[in-house]
């Protein structure tokens, strides 16, 4: 998973999303709705596997939670890898 900060606004933070599997790449966007911590995905031509979306959502949600108590800037680039769980 690679997330690149696309924009920061008063209501949401947007990331360009690249999700990888051995033979496939999915590109789309993720929006973090700041008031509620909701994560929305859009722009994927083909829906990525649920486990990849779940992992990405959980990671962005944890980033959102950490900013509720501290005014830390959103990361410009996030690169994470996790093998698919059986």
Protein backbone atom coordinates (compact mmCIF):
# COMPACT_ATOMS: atom_id res chain seq x y z
CA UNK A 1 0.00 0.00 0.00
CA UNK A 2 1.26 3.45 -0.93
CA UNK A 3 -0.70 6.53 0.10
CA UNK A 4 0.30 9.96 -1.18
CA UNK A 5 -1.26 13.08 0.31
CA UNK A 6 -3.35 14.80 -2.38
CA UNK A 7 -5.06 17.55 -0.37
CA UNK A 8 -5.87 18.75 3.13
CA UNK A 9 -8.97 20.77 3.85
CA UNK A 10 -11.04 21.71 6.87
CA UNK A 11 -13.45 18.82 6.30
CA UNK A 12 -11.35 16.05 4.80
CA UNK A 13 -7.89 14.79 3.93
CA UNK A 14 -7.45 13.04 0.60
CA UNK A 15 -4.86 10.47 -0.43
CA UNK A 16 -3.98 8.94 -3.79
CA UNK A 17 -4.00 5.19 -3.12
CA UNK A 18 -1.95 2.45 -4.79
CA UNK A 19 -2.67 -1.09 -3.60
CA UNK A 20 -0.48 -3.97 -4.72
CA UNK A 21 -0.78 -7.74 -5.06
CA UNK A 22 1.74 -10.02 -6.79
CA UNK A 23 0.25 -9.51 -10.27
CA UNK A 24 -2.14 -6.59 -9.84
CA UNK A 25 -2.13 -2.89 -9.00
CA UNK A 26 -5.22 -0.93 -8.01
CA UNK A 27 -5.25 2.88 -8.01
CA UNK A 28 -7.89 5.14 -6.53
CA UNK A 29 -8.43 7.72 -3.82
CA UNK A 30 -9.27 7.70 -0.14
CA UNK A 31 -10.94 10.52 1.75
CA UNK A 32 -10.72 10.79 5.52
CA UNK A 33 -13.78 12.68 6.77
CA UNK A 34 -12.33 14.63 9.68
CA UNK A 35 -15.52 15.18 11.71
CA UNK A 36 -16.31 11.48 12.05
CA UNK A 37 -13.16 9.61 11.04
CA UNK A 38 -15.01 7.94 8.21
CA UNK A 39 -12.87 6.58 5.35
CA UNK A 40 -14.32 6.66 1.83
CA UNK A 41 -12.77 5.02 -1.22
CA UNK A 42 -13.45 6.08 -4.79
CA UNK A 43 -12.03 6.08 -8.27
CA UNK A 44 -10.97 2.42 -8.45
CA UNK A 45 -11.70 1.04 -11.93
CA UNK A 46 -11.77 -2.47 -10.46
CA UNK A 47 -12.63 -3.03 -6.80
CA UNK A 48 -9.57 -4.15 -4.80
CA UNK A 49 -9.86 -7.23 -2.57
CA UNK A 50 -11.74 -6.61 0.67
CA UNK A 51 -8.69 -7.45 2.81
CA UNK A 52 -6.67 -4.66 1.14
CA UNK A 53 -9.43 -2.10 1.65
CA UNK A 54 -9.89 -3.23 5.26
CA UNK A 55 -6.16 -2.87 5.96
CA UNK A 56 -6.03 0.57 4.32
CA UNK A 57 -9.16 1.75 6.13
CA UNK A 58 -7.80 0.57 9.49
CA UNK A 59 -4.50 2.31 8.91
CA UNK A 60 -6.11 5.62 7.91
CA UNK A 61 -8.55 5.39 10.80
CA UNK A 62 -5.64 4.96 13.22
CA UNK A 63 -3.92 8.00 11.65
CA UNK A 64 -7.14 9.97 12.16
CA UNK A 65 -7.40 8.86 15.81
CA UNK A 66 -3.84 9.93 16.57
CA UNK A 67 -4.66 13.44 15.35
CA UNK A 68 -7.60 13.81 17.72
CA UNK A 69 -5.28 14.47 20.65
CA UNK A 70 -2.28 16.02 18.90
CA UNK A 71 -2.07 18.51 16.01
CA UNK A 72 0.48 16.43 14.08
CA UNK A 73 0.60 16.97 10.30
CA UNK A 74 -0.75 14.25 8.04
CA UNK A 75 2.06 12.26 6.43
CA UNK A 76 2.84 13.23 2.83
CA UNK A 77 3.63 9.62 1.87
CA UNK A 78 2.84 6.34 3.60
CA UNK A 79 4.26 3.03 2.43
CA UNK A 80 3.14 -0.20 4.15
CA UNK A 81 3.26 -3.84 3.23
CA UNK A 82 1.37 -6.79 4.67
CA UNK A 83 1.02 -10.23 3.23
CA UNK A 84 -2.50 -11.44 2.59
CA UNK A 85 -3.78 -13.47 5.51
CA UNK A 86 -5.10 -16.91 4.68
